[in-house]
Amino acid sequence: MEISGPADSMRDRGAPKRAAQERALRTRRKIAEGAIQVLAARGVSGLTHRAVAKEAGVSLAATTYHFETKQDILAETSRMLMEGYLEAFRRLKTRVRAGEETAIRSMDDLVERVVGNALGRERTRSLAWCELMLHGGRHSDGRALAQRWYSELDAIWDEIADILPSRSPLRPGAAIDIVVGFSILLHPLMLEAGTVSELLHGTIALDQLKEAGTDVEPGTPSLDTLRPRQIETRGRLIEAAIEVLVAEGTAAVSHAAVAERAGMVRSGPGYYFPTIEGLLRAAQTALFERAKSRYRAGIGATTATKIDAARLADLTTTIFFRELLEFARENAGYYSVWMSAAQNAQLRPTVRSALLDQHHAWARRLNTVHDGAVPHAAPLRLQALFVGKLIRGIAGQPDNTDLSRSREDFAAAIGEAMALSNR
């Protein structure tokens, strides 16, 4: 007969506890994976305990047991996504050092690989990450997580850059911003992998992409049929929707919330905007027009005559600082509704129009520096850098070191654009 000693007895008593802990961890992970699916398909506005439980394949009771509030689910999902991304890049660094990643020889190769994955096979997780960054920027816990994510990822990419055989004029941190910018800008277009690659290489232009979605919302009264007072009321509703967007994100936009903010009866917004999508599109258009006006005011009349690369870097940095320091909250609303177009086809035409408008503006700026048209990829890359740096600032509130590098990053990207143009 085998006689168990005290140590064996203690191990036996601990086994059920460990098993229960492991089951709890597996359930929490399933719930977080379900939340990623919901975020990608419906955004933060569609994330509820019931929706997550259904997607995760667990009971509603299990979901509420492990996560009391929606914010608890978002926090755990953010943490899990962050750890997954960081571990993936640590493994990539190991493979690069071992010479196993022969296709990645420069930061440009790494950017292309990560952007292709973000818009392709990792689209679901990338969409969820974008939603979480924009939502988390409104809360101190979310900002702290974003700061940690960027800090650790910057360090890993710095190490990868030191290993790569080809050096790049762009800092690794700026390369990360380009990846984020491309992800934000292009997600709503629902592009195929081949098209993404062609855009990054400049073999096709944004203008060549087909229209996406529909631009018609039945039941919305035309401006031509409204009296001046009704036009004023419609404008007030749009402003109220923007205020809700900026303060709380697309999740909070409803007819009731907008009516309350505008000081109207609950049924008022429904006459002008029968659906929430229509109201979001009107707010989306207004936000895009505001941003365009600010950018034009920042550039002023300088694009009418030729300027040099240094002056363009100065102007771009000035506009970036203003957008981040004065209009960060409005930009959070701007890009929240932008990302909503990834889930809602009715919002895509406005996004596509705004994207093209911005792209043409960046091309004009670069053409003022360079004699002749710049390659398609050059303005798109600079545009992605600007947006990516803005998202970094919105999500994590960068410190002075990050801000002090902004002009250096823009100058390097403009220099790259000029080098492409001279080939």
Protein backbone atom coordinates (compact mmCIF):
# COMPACT_ATOMS: atom_id res chain seq x y z
CA MET A 1 0.00 0.00 0.00
CA GLU A 2 1.23 3.48 -0.92
CA ILE A 3 1.05 5.95 1.91
CA SER A 4 0.73 9.66 1.07
CA GLY A 5 2.78 12.08 3.05
CA PRO A 6 1.91 15.66 4.10
CA ALA A 7 3.31 17.16 0.87
CA ASP A 8 1.19 14.83 -1.26
CA SER A 9 -1.88 15.73 0.76
CA MET A 10 -1.26 19.45 0.26
CA ARG A 11 -0.82 18.95 -3.50
CA ASP A 12 -4.10 17.01 -3.64
CA ARG A 13 -5.97 19.78 -1.85
CA GLY A 14 -4.46 22.40 -4.18
CA ALA A 15 -5.32 20.58 -7.42
CA PRO A 16 -9.07 21.41 -7.47
CA LYS A 17 -8.30 25.06 -6.78
CA ARG A 18 -5.79 25.22 -9.63
CA ALA A 19 -8.24 23.51 -11.97
CA ALA A 20 -10.94 26.03 -11.05
CA GLN A 21 -8.53 28.92 -11.66
CA GLU A 22 -7.56 27.51 -15.05
CA ARG A 23 -11.24 27.12 -16.02
CA ALA A 24 -11.88 30.72 -14.96
CA LEU A 25 -8.93 31.96 -17.05
CA ARG A 26 -10.15 30.01 -20.08
CA THR A 27 -13.63 31.45 -19.69
CA ARG A 28 -12.31 35.00 -19.34
CA ARG A 29 -10.24 34.51 -22.46
CA LYS A 30 -13.23 33.18 -24.39
CA ILE A 31 -15.22 36.21 -23.31
CA ALA A 32 -12.47 38.59 -24.39
CA GLU A 33 -12.22 36.80 -27.75
CA GLY A 34 -15.97 37.18 -28.13
CA ALA A 35 -15.65 40.88 -27.34
CA ILE A 36 -13.05 41.24 -30.12
CA GLN A 37 -15.54 39.77 -32.60
CA VAL A 38 -18.29 42.12 -31.42
CA LEU A 39 -16.04 45.19 -31.52
CA ALA A 40 -14.94 44.40 -35.07
CA ALA A 41 -18.48 43.80 -36.31
CA ARG A 42 -20.46 46.42 -34.37
CA GLY A 43 -18.00 48.76 -32.67
CA VAL A 44 -18.10 49.83 -29.04
CA SER A 45 -21.75 50.81 -29.50
CA GLY A 46 -22.71 47.20 -30.19
CA LEU A 47 -20.83 45.69 -27.27
CA THR A 48 -23.16 44.34 -24.59
CA HIS A 49 -22.88 41.44 -22.16
CA ARG A 50 -25.49 39.54 -24.14
CA ALA A 51 -23.79 40.10 -27.51
CA VAL A 52 -20.40 39.09 -26.10
CA ALA A 53 -21.81 35.97 -24.40
CA LYS A 54 -23.40 34.83 -27.68
CA GLU A 55 -20.22 35.41 -29.68
CA ALA A 56 -18.06 33.73 -27.03
CA GLY A 57 -20.32 30.71 -26.70
CA VAL A 58 -20.77 31.13 -22.94
CA SER A 59 -23.77 31.88 -20.79
CA LEU A 60 -24.84 35.43 -20.02
CA ALA A 61 -24.44 34.58 -16.33
CA ALA A 62 -20.80 33.62 -16.89
CA THR A 63 -20.14 36.90 -18.68
CA THR A 64 -21.67 39.04 -15.94
CA TYR A 65 -19.95 36.95 -13.25
CA HIS A 66 -16.47 37.59 -14.66
CA PHE A 67 -17.10 41.16 -15.87
CA GLU A 68 -19.55 43.28 -13.93
CA THR A 69 -19.61 46.21 -16.37
CA LYS A 70 -19.07 46.85 -20.07
CA GLN A 71 -15.97 48.87 -19.18
CA ASP A 72 -14.55 45.80 -17.40
CA ILE A 73 -14.94 43.80 -20.63
CA LEU A 74 -13.26 46.56 -22.64
CA ALA A 75 -10.36 46.77 -20.18
CA GLU A 76 -9.70 43.01 -20.27
CA THR A 77 -10.00 42.90 -24.06
CA SER A 78 -7.57 45.81 -24.39
CA ARG A 79 -5.07 44.09 -22.11
CA MET A 80 -5.32 40.77 -23.95
CA LEU A 81 -4.94 42.38 -27.38
CA MET A 82 -1.95 44.39 -26.21
CA GLU A 83 -0.17 41.36 -24.76
CA GLY A 84 -0.87 39.38 -27.91
CA TYR A 85 0.55 42.08 -30.20
CA LEU A 86 3.65 42.58 -28.08
CA GLU A 87 4.36 38.86 -27.90
CA ALA A 88 3.92 38.52 -31.68
CA PHE A 89 6.50 41.24 -32.30
CA ARG A 90 8.89 39.70 -29.77
CA ARG A 91 8.69 36.44 -31.71
CA LEU A 92 9.23 38.35 -34.96
CA LYS A 93 12.35 39.97 -33.50
CA THR A 94 13.70 36.53 -32.61
CA ARG A 95 13.08 35.26 -36.16
CA VAL A 96 14.70 38.36 -37.71
CA ARG A 97 17.77 37.93 -35.50
CA ALA A 98 17.99 34.27 -36.46
CA GLY A 99 17.84 35.14 -40.16
CA GLU A 100 14.53 33.34 -40.63
CA GLU A 101 12.63 36.41 -41.95
CA THR A 102 14.44 36.93 -45.24
CA ALA A 103 11.56 38.98 -46.72
CA ILE A 104 11.96 41.70 -44.05
CA ARG A 105 15.17 43.59 -44.71
CA SER A 106 14.05 47.15 -43.94
CA MET A 107 11.49 49.08 -41.90
CA ASP A 108 9.51 49.59 -45.11
CA ASP A 109 9.26 45.80 -45.47
CA LEU A 110 8.07 45.54 -41.88
CA VAL A 111 5.48 48.30 -42.37
CA GLU A 112 4.13 46.60 -45.48
CA ARG A 113 3.93 43.21 -43.70
CA VAL A 114 2.09 44.61 -40.67
CA VAL A 115 -0.30 46.80 -42.68
CA GLY A 116 -1.10 43.87 -44.96
CA ASN A 117 -1.86 41.68 -41.95
CA ALA A 118 -3.89 44.39 -40.22
CA LEU A 119 -6.12 44.88 -43.26
CA GLY A 120 -6.15 41.19 -44.16
CA ARG A 121 -5.85 38.09 -41.99
CA GLU A 122 -5.74 40.09 -38.72
CA ARG A 123 -8.51 42.48 -39.77
CA THR A 124 -10.87 41.50 -36.93
CA ARG A 125 -8.29 42.10 -34.20
CA SER A 126 -7.05 45.27 -35.88
CA LEU A 127 -10.56 46.71 -36.09
CA ALA A 128 -11.12 45.90 -32.42
CA TRP A 129 -7.79 47.55 -31.52
CA CYS A 130 -8.72 50.75 -33.41
CA GLU A 131 -12.07 50.89 -31.64
CA LEU A 132 -10.42 50.40 -28.25
CA MET A 133 -7.75 53.07 -28.83
CA LEU A 134 -10.29 55.70 -29.81
CA HIS A 135 -12.63 54.79 -26.97
CA GLY A 136 -9.87 54.38 -24.40
CA GLY A 137 -8.50 57.84 -25.11
CA ARG A 138 -11.52 59.22 -23.27
CA HIS A 139 -10.60 57.46 -20.01
CA SER A 140 -7.51 57.56 -17.79
CA ASP A 141 -7.23 53.74 -17.66
CA GLY A 142 -7.42 53.52 -21.44
CA ARG A 143 -4.80 56.23 -21.88
CA ALA A 144 -2.45 54.50 -19.44
CA LEU A 145 -2.79 51.22 -21.33
CA ALA A 146 -2.15 52.95 -24.68
CA GLN A 147 0.96 54.66 -23.27
CA ARG A 148 2.30 51.31 -22.10
CA TRP A 149 1.46 49.68 -25.44
CA TYR A 150 3.25 52.34 -27.47
CA SER A 151 6.24 52.46 -25.12
CA GLU A 152 6.84 48.71 -25.22
CA LEU A 153 6.18 48.42 -28.96
CA ASP A 154 8.55 51.32 -29.71
CA ALA A 155 11.27 49.50 -27.77
CA ILE A 156 10.72 46.23 -29.67
CA TRP A 157 10.74 47.98 -33.07
CA ASP A 158 13.92 49.83 -32.07
CA GLU A 159 15.56 46.46 -31.46
CA ILE A 160 14.27 45.06 -34.77
CA ALA A 161 15.58 48.13 -36.64
CA ASP A 162 19.06 47.55 -35.20
CA ILE A 163 19.05 44.00 -36.59
CA LEU A 164 17.76 44.78 -40.10
CA PRO A 165 20.45 45.04 -42.82
CA SER A 166 18.88 48.12 -44.46
CA ARG A 167 18.66 51.36 -42.52
CA SER A 168 15.73 53.76 -42.82
CA PRO A 169 15.63 57.54 -42.36
CA LEU A 170 12.41 57.10 -40.40
CA ARG A 171 12.48 56.32 -36.70
CA PRO A 172 10.90 52.97 -35.77
CA GLY A 173 8.32 54.88 -33.72
CA ALA A 174 7.32 56.85 -36.81
CA ALA A 175 7.06 53.59 -38.76
CA ILE A 176 4.58 52.36 -36.14
CA ASP A 177 2.59 55.56 -36.61
CA ILE A 178 2.48 54.93 -40.37
CA VAL A 179 1.09 51.43 -39.74
CA VAL A 180 -1.60 52.81 -37.43
CA GLY A 181 -2.43 55.60 -39.88
CA PHE A 182 -2.81 53.20 -42.81
CA SER A 183 -5.02 50.94 -40.68
CA ILE A 184 -7.33 53.78 -39.67
CA LEU A 185 -7.50 55.32 -43.14
CA LEU A 186 -8.05 52.15 -45.14
CA HIS A 187 -10.15 49.89 -42.90
CA PRO A 188 -13.48 51.42 -43.99
CA LEU A 189 -12.69 50.77 -47.68
CA MET A 190 -12.79 46.96 -47.20
CA LEU A 191 -9.89 46.40 -49.60
CA GLU A 192 -8.51 43.09 -50.82
CA ALA A 193 -4.92 42.17 -49.95
CA GLY A 194 -3.66 42.74 -53.49
CA THR A 195 -5.18 46.21 -53.62
CA VAL A 196 -3.59 47.15 -50.30
CA SER A 197 -0.18 46.11 -51.62
CA GLU A 198 -0.68 48.11 -54.83
CA LEU A 199 -1.62 51.20 -52.83
CA LEU A 200 1.44 50.90 -50.61
CA HIS A 201 3.72 50.50 -53.64
CA GLY A 202 1.99 53.30 -55.56
CA THR A 203 1.09 51.13 -58.56
CA ILE A 204 -2.51 52.35 -58.23
CA ALA A 205 -3.94 55.61 -56.90
CA LEU A 206 -6.77 56.10 -54.44
CA ASP A 207 -8.81 57.65 -57.25
CA GLN A 208 -8.83 54.31 -59.03
CA LEU A 209 -10.63 52.50 -56.23
CA LYS A 210 -14.27 51.74 -56.90
CA GLU A 211 -17.06 53.42 -55.00
CA ALA A 212 -18.15 51.65 -51.82
CA GLY A 213 -21.54 51.59 -50.15
CA THR A 214 -24.59 53.64 -50.92
CA ASP A 215 -25.06 57.37 -50.74
CA VAL A 216 -28.83 57.37 -50.43
CA GLU A 217 -30.96 57.35 -47.30
CA PRO A 218 -34.69 57.13 -48.07
CA GLY A 219 -36.99 59.37 -46.10
CA THR A 220 -34.51 62.18 -45.40
CA PRO A 221 -35.95 65.57 -46.40
CA SER A 222 -33.90 67.46 -48.97
CA LEU A 223 -32.41 70.80 -47.95
CA ASP A 224 -34.20 72.32 -50.95
CA THR A 225 -37.56 71.50 -49.37
CA LEU A 226 -36.77 72.96 -45.93
CA ARG A 227 -37.61 76.46 -44.80
CA PRO A 228 -34.85 78.64 -43.29
CA ARG A 229 -35.99 77.89 -39.74
CA GLN A 230 -35.99 74.16 -40.46
CA ILE A 231 -32.49 74.38 -41.92
CA GLU A 232 -31.41 76.10 -38.72
CA THR A 233 -33.02 73.36 -36.63
CA ARG A 234 -31.32 70.67 -38.73
CA GLY A 235 -27.98 72.39 -38.17
CA ARG A 236 -28.62 72.49 -34.43
CA LEU A 237 -29.28 68.75 -34.44
CA ILE A 238 -26.05 68.08 -36.29
CA GLU A 239 -24.12 70.19 -33.78
CA ALA A 240 -25.77 68.31 -30.92
CA ALA A 241 -24.82 64.98 -32.52
CA ILE A 242 -21.22 66.16 -32.84
CA GLU A 243 -21.18 67.17 -29.18
CA VAL A 244 -22.37 63.67 -28.20
CA LEU A 245 -19.80 62.09 -30.54
CA VAL A 246 -16.96 64.12 -29.11
CA ALA A 247 -17.94 63.54 -25.49
CA GLU A 248 -18.88 59.85 -25.63
CA GLY A 249 -18.30 58.39 -29.09
CA THR A 250 -20.64 56.90 -31.68
CA ALA A 251 -22.06 54.51 -29.07
CA ALA A 252 -23.91 57.37 -27.39
CA VAL A 253 -25.53 58.91 -30.48
CA SER A 254 -29.28 58.32 -30.43
CA HIS A 255 -32.34 60.36 -31.31
CA ALA A 256 -33.10 60.79 -27.61
CA ALA A 257 -29.58 61.89 -26.65
CA VAL A 258 -29.37 64.36 -29.53
CA ALA A 259 -32.85 65.75 -28.82
CA GLU A 260 -31.92 66.33 -25.19
CA ARG A 261 -28.64 68.00 -26.13
CA ALA A 262 -30.42 70.22 -28.70
CA GLY A 263 -33.26 71.13 -26.32
CA MET A 264 -35.94 69.51 -28.48
CA VAL A 265 -38.69 66.96 -27.99
CA ARG A 266 -37.62 63.33 -28.42
CA SER A 267 -39.42 62.96 -31.73
CA GLY A 268 -37.75 66.03 -33.27
CA PRO A 269 -34.57 64.46 -34.74
CA GLY A 270 -36.54 61.67 -36.41
CA TYR A 271 -38.15 64.06 -38.89
CA TYR A 272 -34.83 65.32 -40.21
CA PHE A 273 -32.90 62.07 -39.78
CA PRO A 274 -35.11 58.94 -39.84
CA THR A 275 -32.16 56.70 -38.96
CA ILE A 276 -29.15 57.04 -36.68
CA GLU A 277 -26.96 56.25 -39.71
CA GLY A 278 -28.29 59.34 -41.46
CA LEU A 279 -27.62 61.49 -38.42
CA LEU A 280 -24.11 60.06 -38.11
CA ARG A 281 -23.43 60.76 -41.78
CA ALA A 282 -24.51 64.38 -41.39
CA ALA A 283 -22.27 64.76 -38.32
CA GLN A 284 -19.49 62.94 -40.18
CA THR A 285 -19.70 65.36 -43.12
CA ALA A 286 -19.71 68.38 -40.82
CA LEU A 287 -16.65 67.11 -38.92
CA PHE A 288 -14.81 66.47 -42.18
CA GLU A 289 -15.60 69.99 -43.42
CA ARG A 290 -14.39 71.49 -40.14
CA ALA A 291 -11.12 69.62 -40.35
CA LYS A 292 -10.65 70.64 -43.98
CA SER A 293 -11.19 74.30 -43.08
CA ARG A 294 -8.64 74.08 -40.25
CA TYR A 295 -6.05 72.44 -42.50
CA ARG A 296 -6.55 75.05 -45.20
CA ALA A 297 -6.23 77.84 -42.67
CA GLY A 298 -3.02 76.28 -41.38
CA ILE A 299 -1.45 76.00 -44.81
CA GLY A 300 -2.78 79.41 -45.87
CA ALA A 301 -1.64 80.72 -49.22
CA THR A 302 1.75 79.01 -49.12
CA THR A 303 0.72 76.24 -51.50
CA ALA A 304 0.01 78.81 -54.20
CA THR A 305 3.76 79.25 -54.67
CA LYS A 306 6.70 76.89 -54.44
CA ILE A 307 8.05 76.20 -50.94
CA ASP A 308 10.92 74.01 -49.82
CA ALA A 309 10.84 70.75 -47.84
CA ALA A 310 11.86 72.43 -44.59
CA ARG A 311 8.98 74.89 -44.79
CA LEU A 312 6.51 72.10 -45.54
CA ALA A 313 7.80 70.17 -42.52
CA ASP A 314 7.29 73.29 -40.36
CA LEU A 315 3.73 73.79 -41.61
CA THR A 316 2.81 70.13 -41.19
CA THR A 317 4.17 70.10 -37.64
CA THR A 318 2.27 73.27 -36.76
CA ILE A 319 -1.00 71.82 -38.04
CA PHE A 320 -0.34 68.55 -36.21
CA PHE A 321 0.27 70.31 -32.88
CA ARG A 322 -2.91 72.34 -33.26
CA GLU A 323 -5.01 69.27 -34.11
CA LEU A 324 -3.61 67.35 -31.15
CA LEU A 325 -3.46 70.07 -28.52
CA GLU A 326 -6.57 72.11 -29.40
CA PHE A 327 -8.86 69.63 -31.15
CA ALA A 328 -7.97 66.23 -29.67
CA ARG A 329 -11.50 65.55 -28.42
CA GLU A 330 -13.09 66.55 -31.72
CA ASN A 331 -10.60 64.37 -33.58
CA ALA A 332 -11.54 61.44 -31.34
CA GLY A 333 -15.13 61.92 -32.51
CA TYR A 334 -13.98 62.43 -36.09
CA TYR A 335 -12.10 59.14 -36.27
CA SER A 336 -14.70 57.25 -34.25
CA VAL A 337 -17.32 57.92 -36.90
CA TRP A 338 -14.66 57.29 -39.57
CA MET A 339 -14.07 53.80 -38.17
CA SER A 340 -17.83 53.20 -37.96
CA ALA A 341 -17.79 53.09 -41.76
CA ALA A 342 -15.91 49.78 -41.50
CA GLN A 343 -19.13 48.27 -40.10
CA ASN A 344 -21.71 50.44 -41.86
CA ALA A 345 -21.70 50.68 -45.65
CA GLN A 346 -23.90 53.79 -45.58
CA LEU A 347 -21.05 55.76 -44.01
CA ARG A 348 -18.41 54.69 -46.54
CA PRO A 349 -19.10 57.15 -49.37
CA THR A 350 -18.45 60.12 -47.10
CA VAL A 351 -15.26 58.52 -45.76
CA ARG A 352 -14.05 57.77 -49.28
CA SER A 353 -14.77 61.34 -50.36
CA ALA A 354 -12.94 62.77 -47.35
CA LEU A 355 -10.01 60.40 -47.82
CA LEU A 356 -9.62 61.44 -51.47
CA ASP A 357 -9.94 65.10 -50.57
CA GLN A 358 -7.21 64.80 -47.94
CA HIS A 359 -5.03 62.74 -50.28
CA HIS A 360 -5.23 65.36 -53.03
CA ALA A 361 -4.33 68.06 -50.50
CA TRP A 362 -1.23 66.16 -49.38
CA ALA A 363 -0.25 65.61 -53.03
CA ARG A 364 -0.57 69.34 -53.75
CA ARG A 365 1.63 70.14 -50.76
CA LEU A 366 4.33 67.75 -51.92
CA ASN A 367 4.08 69.06 -55.47
CA THR A 368 4.84 72.57 -54.21
CA VAL A 369 8.19 71.21 -53.06
CA HIS A 370 8.97 68.97 -56.02
CA ASP A 371 8.83 69.92 -59.69
CA GLY A 372 6.38 67.52 -61.27
CA ALA A 373 3.90 65.05 -59.86
CA VAL A 374 5.02 62.90 -56.92
CA PRO A 375 4.33 59.12 -56.95
CA HIS A 376 0.94 57.96 -55.67
CA ALA A 377 2.48 56.29 -52.61
CA ALA A 378 4.25 59.42 -51.34
CA PRO A 379 1.28 61.58 -50.24
CA LEU A 380 -0.59 58.54 -48.92
CA ARG A 381 2.39 57.61 -46.73
CA LEU A 382 2.71 61.15 -45.36
CA GLN A 383 -1.03 61.23 -44.75
CA ALA A 384 -0.80 57.92 -42.84
CA LEU A 385 2.06 59.26 -40.71
CA PHE A 386 0.05 62.36 -39.78
CA VAL A 387 -3.05 60.34 -38.84
CA GLY A 388 -1.04 57.70 -36.99
CA LYS A 389 0.76 60.29 -34.88
CA LEU A 390 -2.60 61.92 -34.15
CA ILE A 391 -4.09 58.59 -33.01
CA ARG A 392 -1.06 58.00 -30.79
CA GLY A 393 -1.66 61.37 -29.18
CA ILE A 394 -5.42 60.91 -28.80
CA ALA A 395 -5.08 57.43 -27.31
CA GLY A 396 -2.14 57.91 -25.00
CA GLN A 397 -1.33 61.60 -24.57
CA PRO A 398 2.36 61.51 -25.62
CA ASP A 399 5.03 63.11 -23.48
CA ASN A 400 7.29 65.96 -24.51
CA THR A 401 9.86 63.57 -25.98
CA ASP A 402 7.28 62.22 -28.43
CA LEU A 403 6.12 65.70 -29.36
CA SER A 404 9.66 66.99 -29.82
CA ARG A 405 10.29 64.32 -32.48
CA SER A 406 7.29 65.28 -34.58
CA ARG A 407 9.04 67.67 -36.92
CA GLU A 408 11.93 65.25 -37.36
CA ASP A 409 9.47 62.53 -38.38
CA PHE A 410 7.58 64.71 -40.83
CA ALA A 411 10.83 66.02 -42.35
CA ALA A 412 12.09 62.44 -42.82
CA ALA A 413 8.83 61.38 -44.49
CA ILE A 414 8.91 64.41 -46.81
CA GLY A 415 12.55 63.60 -47.64
CA GLU A 416 11.54 60.02 -48.49
CA ALA A 417 8.78 61.36 -50.75
CA MET A 418 11.27 63.55 -52.58
CA ALA A 419 13.65 60.61 -52.98
CA LEU A 420 10.85 58.52 -54.51
CA SER A 421 10.04 61.36 -56.89
CA ASN A 422 13.63 61.57 -58.14
CA ARG A 423 13.98 57.88 -58.99
